[in-house]
Amino acid sequence: MKTSISPLLLLFFALLGISCVPEETAPSNELEAPLSIGSIKTQAIADQYIVVLNATDASSRKFCDGRVDEAGFRISIGKLLASHRISEDNVVRTYSSALNGFCAKLTPDEVEKLKADPSVKYVEQDRQGELGFGVNNLPWANSGSFQTGQVIPWGVKRVGGPFQYSGPNRVFVIDTGIDVDHPDLNVDMERGFDAYQFNDKVNLDDEHGHGTHVAGTIGALDNNFGVVGVAAGVPVVPIKIFFGRRAAFTYSGMLAGVDHLCKCAGPGDVANLSFGGFDNSAAMDEAVVNISESRKIWMVIAAGNSSLPANSFSPARVNGKYTITVSAIDAFNRYAWFSHYGSPVKYAAPGVNVVSTWINGAYSNQTGTSMAAPHVAGLRVLGEIGTDGNVVNYPVSPADPIAVRKTAN
């Protein structure tokens, strides 16, 4: 049940400097600390490793081949492990689409044996972390406050939108899930995926807010209330790789979400990856490239939020034909101080004080390159991307071009 906001809560938001009326005022010059997945410190998971295989014996096939025999693939992995006297029970996950490989519990001695095996390409330790919720994890307004009008966020205007979407494609939001009952979103649950499935229960619902915010910028409905997205009404698919109120994750779980794209996405679809600033992961980088090029799926990636070169972080550093890394600007076309920068960033987009959908049918104002990427994801599902000027005060040369929808000549 949706309830109205009490006068005390409205006062509380006002004291925070958060608007609760359905009209967007001019964005502030001040930059908030970004609530954006990226540049997050992670910890190694003891005795748990991601093993990526060469294109031999266990994996002599094309990536994203829908004809792959999943059971047979796991048998091949079992034979590999048995040859080193490693129990197949140690396997935590298998990757049969974006990668040829698996995640398993292994001792240091077992790791060394697998590294020396000619069928193994490389082994990297699994890692874990969390986004946390912090002070920015607050609603901008309950949906009940938006029944009398609709906001067009400044970022949507800056990229030329909004545009009504009527095509056949989807945008896959690889994130914290999506508020599946949000009245301002067109959520495609059928193609959704939960990387963790606690107690064998699939939960696509967003427990944090980040993924719902991303989804709204991409495609919030043009329906006379709430906000409107860049590609209004485009189906948004929750691929949940972060769970709980603190958005916890493992690299192996993130890879499972990316791997799932091969099973349900196709040419012209877009995936939004607002987690570009992680510690280096060869497996993540390889999975993103393999999927995008084999299936012609556009992978739009947030650059990250440490004011550092983007090429030092995964998967922001990926530079493929179908990958688009995005930096952030403010409402004055200026470089957002927190944003990663430089090659392979291809476009800049609004990432400061961006209002969008939030969990529990609410709306929220957030900052980060995670907010910039979905503007470009919305543009890309509509077609070719154009540019309108370059970022002001960019830390390196050349400055990133600012993304807008490409217009017909």
Protein backbone atom coordinates (compact mmCIF):
# COMPACT_ATOMS: atom_id res chain seq x y z
CA MET A 1 0.00 0.00 0.00
CA LYS A 2 1.31 3.46 -0.94
CA THR A 3 0.89 6.04 1.79
CA SER A 4 1.22 9.82 1.70
CA ILE A 5 4.17 11.55 3.35
CA SER A 6 3.45 13.10 6.71
CA PRO A 7 4.12 16.82 7.33
CA LEU A 8 6.95 15.89 9.71
CA LEU A 9 8.63 13.78 7.05
CA LEU A 10 8.22 16.57 4.50
CA LEU A 11 9.94 18.90 6.96
CA PHE A 12 12.70 16.32 7.45
CA PHE A 13 13.34 16.20 3.69
CA ALA A 14 13.28 19.98 3.51
CA LEU A 15 15.96 20.19 6.19
CA LEU A 16 18.03 17.77 4.15
CA GLY A 17 17.70 20.02 1.13
CA ILE A 18 15.75 17.40 -0.82
CA SER A 19 12.78 18.65 -2.86
CA CYS A 20 9.43 16.95 -2.32
CA VAL A 21 7.36 18.76 -4.92
CA PRO A 22 6.78 17.50 -8.46
CA GLU A 23 8.84 20.21 -10.15
CA GLU A 24 12.59 20.00 -10.59
CA THR A 25 14.48 23.12 -9.61
CA ALA A 26 17.81 24.07 -11.18
CA PRO A 27 20.47 21.57 -10.16
CA SER A 28 22.83 22.71 -7.44
CA ASN A 29 26.45 23.64 -8.20
CA GLU A 30 27.48 21.57 -5.19
CA LEU A 31 28.36 17.94 -5.76
CA GLU A 32 27.13 15.33 -3.35
CA ALA A 33 29.24 12.35 -2.38
CA PRO A 34 28.30 9.81 -5.05
CA LEU A 35 26.05 6.89 -4.17
CA SER A 36 27.35 4.87 -7.07
CA ILE A 37 28.62 1.35 -7.39
CA GLY A 38 32.21 1.78 -8.43
CA SER A 39 35.59 2.29 -6.79
CA ILE A 40 34.45 -0.06 -4.03
CA LYS A 41 37.08 -1.81 -1.94
CA THR A 42 36.78 -5.57 -1.94
CA GLN A 43 38.21 -8.43 0.10
CA ALA A 44 39.47 -11.78 -1.09
CA ILE A 45 37.23 -14.75 -0.31
CA ALA A 46 39.42 -17.32 1.40
CA ASP A 47 40.00 -20.49 -0.66
CA GLN A 48 37.50 -19.52 -3.39
CA TYR A 49 38.69 -19.03 -6.97
CA ILE A 50 37.40 -18.33 -10.48
CA VAL A 51 38.98 -20.69 -13.03
CA VAL A 52 38.83 -19.68 -16.70
CA LEU A 53 39.52 -22.36 -19.30
CA ASN A 54 41.21 -22.28 -22.67
CA ALA A 55 39.23 -23.25 -25.75
CA THR A 56 40.21 -26.89 -25.42
CA ASP A 57 38.59 -30.15 -24.31
CA ALA A 58 36.09 -28.72 -21.81
CA SER A 59 35.15 -25.72 -23.93
CA SER A 60 35.76 -26.04 -27.67
CA ARG A 61 32.75 -23.92 -28.71
CA LYS A 62 31.59 -20.40 -29.45
CA PHE A 63 30.65 -18.06 -26.65
CA CYS A 64 26.93 -17.56 -26.06
CA ASP A 65 26.16 -20.67 -28.10
CA GLY A 66 22.59 -21.55 -27.12
CA ARG A 67 23.21 -25.16 -28.13
CA VAL A 68 25.72 -25.77 -25.34
CA ASP A 69 25.08 -28.89 -23.28
CA GLU A 70 25.15 -27.53 -19.73
CA ALA A 71 25.24 -30.99 -18.17
CA GLY A 72 27.99 -32.10 -20.52
CA PHE A 73 29.96 -28.94 -19.79
CA ARG A 74 29.82 -29.66 -16.06
CA ILE A 75 30.93 -33.27 -16.70
CA SER A 76 33.97 -31.93 -18.55
CA ILE A 77 34.80 -29.72 -15.59
CA GLY A 78 34.39 -32.72 -13.28
CA LYS A 79 36.90 -34.69 -15.35
CA LEU A 80 39.38 -31.82 -15.18
CA LEU A 81 39.07 -31.66 -11.41
CA ALA A 82 39.24 -35.42 -11.03
CA SER A 83 42.52 -35.48 -12.93
CA HIS A 84 43.95 -33.40 -10.08
CA ARG A 85 42.09 -35.30 -7.35
CA ILE A 86 39.84 -32.34 -6.65
CA SER A 87 36.22 -33.11 -5.70
CA GLU A 88 33.53 -31.83 -8.03
CA ASP A 89 31.59 -30.94 -4.88
CA ASN A 90 33.98 -27.99 -4.56
CA VAL A 91 32.37 -26.29 -7.56
CA VAL A 92 30.25 -23.29 -6.54
CA ARG A 93 29.19 -22.06 -9.99
CA THR A 94 29.83 -22.77 -13.66
CA TYR A 95 30.06 -20.26 -16.50
CA SER A 96 29.10 -21.69 -19.87
CA SER A 97 28.17 -18.64 -21.93
CA ALA A 98 30.17 -15.48 -21.27
CA LEU A 99 33.15 -17.50 -20.06
CA ASN A 100 34.30 -21.08 -20.19
CA GLY A 101 34.98 -21.78 -16.55
CA PHE A 102 33.82 -22.19 -13.01
CA CYS A 103 34.13 -20.96 -9.43
CA ALA A 104 35.30 -23.47 -6.81
CA LYS A 105 36.63 -23.90 -3.31
CA LEU A 106 40.32 -24.77 -3.68
CA THR A 107 43.39 -25.17 -1.51
CA PRO A 108 46.60 -23.32 -2.47
CA ASP A 109 48.08 -26.60 -3.70
CA GLU A 110 45.02 -27.26 -5.88
CA VAL A 111 45.23 -23.76 -7.32
CA GLU A 112 48.82 -24.36 -8.37
CA LYS A 113 47.90 -27.67 -10.01
CA LEU A 114 45.15 -26.02 -12.04
CA LYS A 115 47.37 -23.12 -13.08
CA ALA A 116 49.83 -25.63 -14.50
CA ASP A 117 47.15 -27.50 -16.45
CA PRO A 118 47.25 -26.67 -20.20
CA SER A 119 43.44 -26.47 -20.35
CA VAL A 120 43.39 -23.65 -17.79
CA LYS A 121 43.79 -20.10 -19.09
CA TYR A 122 44.12 -18.41 -15.69
CA VAL A 123 42.91 -18.52 -12.10
CA GLU A 124 41.90 -15.49 -10.04
CA GLN A 125 40.71 -15.30 -6.47
CA ASP A 126 37.05 -14.56 -5.89
CA ARG A 127 36.35 -11.34 -4.00
CA GLN A 128 33.48 -9.82 -2.03
CA GLY A 129 32.30 -6.41 -0.89
CA GLU A 130 29.30 -4.17 -0.41
CA LEU A 131 28.09 -0.77 -1.51
CA GLY A 132 26.55 0.09 1.86
CA PHE A 133 23.60 2.43 2.23
CA GLY A 134 24.86 5.64 3.85
CA VAL A 135 23.03 8.96 4.13
CA ASN A 136 22.13 9.13 0.45
CA ASN A 137 19.97 6.03 0.72
CA LEU A 138 16.86 8.13 1.37
CA PRO A 139 13.72 8.66 -0.73
CA TRP A 140 13.19 11.94 -2.53
CA ALA A 141 9.44 11.54 -2.32
CA ASN A 142 6.75 8.87 -2.11
CA SER A 143 4.88 8.26 -5.35
CA GLY A 144 1.77 9.75 -3.77
CA SER A 145 3.39 13.17 -3.97
CA PHE A 146 3.76 12.85 -7.75
CA GLN A 147 0.17 12.19 -8.78
CA THR A 148 -0.35 15.84 -9.76
CA GLY A 149 2.55 16.28 -12.17
CA GLN A 150 5.57 14.76 -13.88
CA VAL A 151 9.20 15.82 -13.67
CA ILE A 152 11.52 15.68 -16.66
CA PRO A 153 14.92 15.33 -14.94
CA TRP A 154 17.60 17.76 -16.08
CA GLY A 155 19.82 14.92 -17.29
CA VAL A 156 17.09 13.53 -19.54
CA LYS A 157 16.66 17.00 -21.05
CA ARG A 158 20.42 17.40 -21.50
CA VAL A 159 20.71 14.28 -23.66
CA GLY A 160 17.79 15.48 -25.79
CA GLY A 161 14.99 13.47 -24.22
CA PRO A 162 12.60 12.23 -23.28
CA PHE A 163 11.77 9.92 -26.17
CA GLN A 164 8.93 7.41 -26.28
CA TYR A 165 10.28 3.91 -26.85
CA SER A 166 8.38 1.59 -29.20
CA GLY A 167 11.01 -0.86 -30.42
CA PRO A 168 11.57 -4.58 -29.79
CA ASN A 169 14.62 -4.39 -27.54
CA ARG A 170 15.21 -4.25 -23.78
CA VAL A 171 17.67 -2.80 -21.32
CA PHE A 172 19.13 -5.25 -18.82
CA VAL A 173 19.94 -3.53 -15.52
CA ILE A 174 22.80 -5.53 -13.98
CA ASP A 175 22.57 -4.12 -10.47
CA THR A 176 20.73 -4.42 -7.14
CA GLY A 177 17.48 -5.52 -8.77
CA ILE A 178 14.53 -3.26 -9.60
CA ASP A 179 11.46 -2.27 -7.59
CA VAL A 180 9.27 -4.66 -9.59
CA ASP A 181 5.99 -3.00 -8.48
CA HIS A 182 7.07 0.58 -9.15
CA PRO A 183 4.18 2.29 -11.00
CA ASP A 184 6.58 4.35 -13.10
CA LEU A 185 8.55 1.42 -14.61
CA ASN A 186 7.93 -1.24 -17.26
CA VAL A 187 9.70 -4.18 -15.59
CA ASP A 188 10.32 -7.40 -17.54
CA MET A 189 10.59 -10.06 -14.83
CA GLU A 190 10.41 -13.02 -17.20
CA ARG A 191 14.00 -12.49 -18.35
CA GLY A 192 15.25 -11.48 -14.91
CA PHE A 193 17.94 -13.25 -12.90
CA ASP A 194 18.95 -13.50 -9.25
CA ALA A 195 22.61 -14.46 -8.85
CA TYR A 196 22.22 -15.59 -5.23
CA GLN A 197 18.76 -17.18 -4.79
CA PHE A 198 18.89 -17.62 -1.02
CA ASN A 199 16.95 -20.70 0.11
CA ASP A 200 16.42 -21.46 -3.59
CA LYS A 201 14.07 -18.47 -3.92
CA VAL A 202 14.46 -16.03 -6.79
CA ASN A 203 14.20 -12.42 -5.60
CA LEU A 204 14.41 -9.79 -8.34
CA ASP A 205 13.13 -6.99 -6.12
CA ASP A 206 15.51 -4.17 -5.24
CA GLU A 207 16.34 -4.06 -1.54
CA HIS A 208 18.71 -1.11 -1.86
CA GLY A 209 17.57 1.48 -4.41
CA HIS A 210 20.54 1.78 -6.77
CA GLY A 211 19.18 -0.47 -9.53
CA THR A 212 15.74 1.12 -9.41
CA HIS A 213 17.31 4.56 -9.79
CA VAL A 214 19.29 3.37 -12.81
CA ALA A 215 16.15 1.82 -14.35
CA GLY A 216 14.16 5.04 -14.04
CA THR A 217 16.74 7.15 -15.83
CA ILE A 218 16.76 4.61 -18.64
CA GLY A 219 13.04 4.20 -19.13
CA ALA A 220 10.61 5.64 -16.57
CA LEU A 221 7.14 5.87 -18.11
CA ASP A 222 5.73 9.03 -19.68
CA ASN A 223 2.48 8.80 -17.69
CA ASN A 224 1.76 12.25 -16.26
CA PHE A 225 3.28 11.54 -12.83
CA GLY A 226 6.65 10.79 -11.28
CA VAL A 227 9.61 11.14 -13.62
CA VAL A 228 10.21 10.20 -17.25
CA GLY A 229 13.24 8.34 -18.60
CA VAL A 230 15.40 8.81 -21.68
CA ALA A 231 13.68 5.94 -23.55
CA ALA A 232 10.30 6.20 -21.84
CA GLY A 233 8.59 2.85 -21.39
CA VAL A 234 11.41 0.62 -22.61
CA PRO A 235 11.27 -2.76 -20.80
CA VAL A 236 13.89 -2.88 -18.04
CA VAL A 237 15.10 -6.31 -16.93
CA PRO A 238 16.46 -6.85 -13.38
CA ILE A 239 19.69 -8.85 -13.33
CA LYS A 240 20.39 -8.91 -9.61
CA ILE A 241 24.07 -9.23 -8.72
CA PHE A 242 23.97 -7.22 -5.45
CA PHE A 243 21.72 -8.22 -2.58
CA GLY A 244 20.36 -6.83 0.67
CA ARG A 245 20.07 -3.29 1.97
CA ARG A 246 23.86 -2.89 1.88
CA ALA A 247 24.19 -4.22 -1.68
CA ALA A 248 26.59 -7.07 -0.92
CA PHE A 249 28.22 -8.99 -3.75
CA THR A 250 30.84 -11.48 -4.87
CA TYR A 251 32.77 -11.39 -8.13
CA SER A 252 31.55 -14.91 -8.87
CA GLY A 253 27.95 -13.73 -8.46
CA MET A 254 28.53 -10.71 -10.67
CA LEU A 255 29.95 -12.99 -13.36
CA ALA A 256 26.87 -15.20 -13.10
CA GLY A 257 24.68 -12.20 -13.85
CA VAL A 258 26.73 -11.22 -16.88
CA ASP A 259 26.78 -14.86 -18.02
CA HIS A 260 22.96 -14.90 -17.88
CA LEU A 261 22.73 -12.28 -20.63
CA CYS A 262 23.63 -14.87 -23.23
CA LYS A 263 20.53 -16.84 -22.32
CA CYS A 264 17.99 -14.03 -22.69
CA ALA A 265 19.44 -11.03 -24.56
CA GLY A 266 20.11 -10.55 -28.24
CA PRO A 267 21.34 -8.11 -30.89
CA GLY A 268 20.26 -4.55 -30.22
CA ASP A 269 19.60 -5.13 -26.53
CA VAL A 270 21.51 -3.01 -24.03
CA ALA A 271 22.99 -3.91 -20.65
CA ASN A 272 23.69 -1.19 -18.07
CA LEU A 273 26.67 -1.95 -15.82
CA SER A 274 26.83 0.80 -13.22
CA PHE A 275 29.76 -0.88 -11.47
CA GLY A 276 32.78 0.11 -13.51
CA GLY A 277 35.28 0.97 -10.79
CA PHE A 278 36.19 -2.37 -9.21
CA ASP A 279 39.55 -3.93 -8.50
CA ASN A 280 40.99 -5.52 -11.62
CA SER A 281 39.27 -8.71 -12.73
CA ALA A 282 40.42 -10.35 -15.95
CA ALA A 283 37.42 -12.67 -15.79
CA MET A 284 34.92 -9.80 -15.64
CA ASP A 285 36.64 -7.92 -18.45
CA GLU A 286 36.73 -11.02 -20.64
CA ALA A 287 33.08 -11.87 -19.95
CA VAL A 288 31.93 -8.38 -20.92
CA VAL A 289 33.88 -8.46 -24.19
CA ASN A 290 32.80 -12.01 -25.06
CA ILE A 291 29.11 -11.28 -24.58
CA SER A 292 29.06 -7.94 -26.31
CA GLU A 293 30.87 -9.13 -29.41
CA SER A 294 29.30 -12.57 -29.74
CA ARG A 295 25.72 -11.37 -29.23
CA LYS A 296 26.02 -7.74 -30.38
CA ILE A 297 24.70 -6.57 -27.02
CA TRP A 298 25.65 -3.02 -26.08
CA MET A 299 27.38 -2.94 -22.68
CA VAL A 300 27.17 0.55 -21.12
CA ILE A 301 29.57 0.85 -18.18
CA ALA A 302 29.96 3.48 -15.46
CA ALA A 303 33.51 4.83 -15.36
CA GLY A 304 33.81 4.82 -11.55
CA ASN A 305 34.15 7.42 -8.82
CA SER A 306 37.71 7.81 -7.55
CA SER A 307 38.90 10.72 -9.74
CA LEU A 308 41.41 8.35 -11.36
CA PRO A 309 42.12 7.01 -14.86
CA ALA A 310 39.33 4.67 -15.93
CA ASN A 311 41.77 2.22 -17.50
CA SER A 312 42.85 1.08 -14.03
CA PHE A 313 39.48 -0.48 -13.13
CA SER A 314 37.26 -3.37 -14.21
CA PRO A 315 35.14 -3.45 -16.26
CA ALA A 316 35.41 0.29 -17.07
CA ARG A 317 38.75 -0.34 -18.78
CA VAL A 318 37.17 -2.66 -21.39
CA ASN A 319 37.33 -1.15 -24.86
CA GLY A 320 35.34 -3.21 -27.33
CA LYS A 321 33.20 -2.60 -30.38
CA TYR A 322 30.00 -2.86 -28.33
CA THR A 323 31.22 -1.47 -24.98
CA ILE A 324 30.64 2.13 -23.90
CA THR A 325 32.30 3.50 -20.75
CA VAL A 326 30.69 6.71 -19.45
CA SER A 327 32.05 9.56 -17.32
CA ALA A 328 29.95 12.13 -15.45
CA ILE A 329 29.21 15.84 -15.84
CA ASP A 330 27.16 18.36 -13.88
CA ALA A 331 24.39 20.62 -15.20
CA PHE A 332 26.97 23.12 -16.49
CA ASN A 333 28.77 20.55 -18.68
CA ARG A 334 31.63 20.46 -16.19
CA TYR A 335 33.66 17.41 -15.28
CA ALA A 336 32.24 15.90 -12.08
CA TRP A 337 35.16 15.88 -9.64
CA PHE A 338 34.65 12.25 -8.59
CA SER A 339 34.43 10.76 -12.07
CA HIS A 340 37.04 8.45 -13.57
CA TYR A 341 38.39 9.80 -16.83
CA GLY A 342 40.44 9.11 -19.94
CA SER A 343 40.56 6.19 -22.36
CA PRO A 344 38.51 4.01 -22.78
CA VAL A 345 35.72 6.46 -21.79
CA LYS A 346 33.65 7.12 -24.93
CA TYR A 347 31.00 9.57 -23.70
CA ALA A 348 30.12 11.81 -20.78
CA ALA A 349 26.57 12.16 -19.45
CA PRO A 350 24.72 13.80 -16.53
CA GLY A 351 25.73 12.31 -13.19
CA VAL A 352 25.19 15.02 -10.55
CA ASN A 353 21.92 15.51 -8.65
CA VAL A 354 19.95 13.16 -10.86
CA VAL A 355 16.37 12.45 -9.80
CA SER A 356 14.88 9.06 -10.67
CA THR A 357 12.78 6.20 -9.36
CA TRP A 358 13.53 4.54 -6.01
CA ILE A 359 12.37 1.53 -4.01
CA ASN A 360 8.89 1.34 -2.43
CA GLY A 361 7.40 3.39 -5.24
CA ALA A 362 9.48 6.42 -4.30
CA TYR A 363 11.88 8.81 -6.06
CA SER A 364 15.40 9.88 -5.12
CA ASN A 365 18.11 12.39 -6.03
CA GLN A 366 21.52 10.71 -6.51
CA THR A 367 25.02 11.46 -7.77
CA GLY A 368 27.69 9.30 -9.42
CA THR A 369 28.87 7.80 -12.69
CA SER A 370 26.24 5.13 -12.00
CA MET A 371 23.72 7.87 -12.76
CA ALA A 372 25.56 8.92 -15.94
CA ALA A 373 25.69 5.48 -17.56
CA PRO A 374 21.89 4.91 -17.75
CA HIS A 375 21.45 8.12 -19.74
CA VAL A 376 23.66 6.56 -22.40
CA ALA A 377 21.96 3.16 -22.07
CA GLY A 378 18.65 4.86 -22.81
CA LEU A 379 20.14 6.60 -25.82
CA ARG A 380 21.74 3.44 -27.15
CA VAL A 381 18.51 1.38 -27.10
CA LEU A 382 16.94 4.15 -29.20
CA GLY A 383 19.69 3.95 -31.83
CA GLU A 384 22.90 5.76 -32.71
CA ILE A 385 24.44 8.16 -30.21
CA GLY A 386 25.40 11.69 -31.19
CA THR A 387 27.30 14.36 -29.29
CA ASP A 388 26.75 17.95 -28.21
CA GLY A 389 29.95 19.63 -27.08
CA ASN A 390 32.69 18.37 -24.78
CA VAL A 391 33.25 18.24 -21.04
CA VAL A 392 34.48 21.47 -19.46
CA ASN A 393 37.48 21.31 -17.08
CA TYR A 394 38.29 17.72 -18.07
CA PRO A 395 41.53 16.55 -16.42
CA VAL A 396 43.12 15.16 -19.62
CA SER A 397 42.98 15.82 -23.34
CA PRO A 398 40.90 15.22 -25.36
CA ALA A 399 37.83 15.93 -23.27
CA ASP A 400 34.97 13.42 -23.47
CA PRO A 401 32.12 14.25 -25.88
CA ILE A 402 28.72 14.72 -24.21
CA ALA A 403 26.19 12.13 -25.35
CA VAL A 404 22.86 13.05 -26.95
CA ARG A 405 20.57 11.24 -29.35
CA LYS A 406 21.89 11.26 -32.88
CA THR A 407 19.55 13.08 -35.22
CA ALA A 408 18.95 12.16 -38.84
CA ASN A 409 20.87 14.27 -41.36
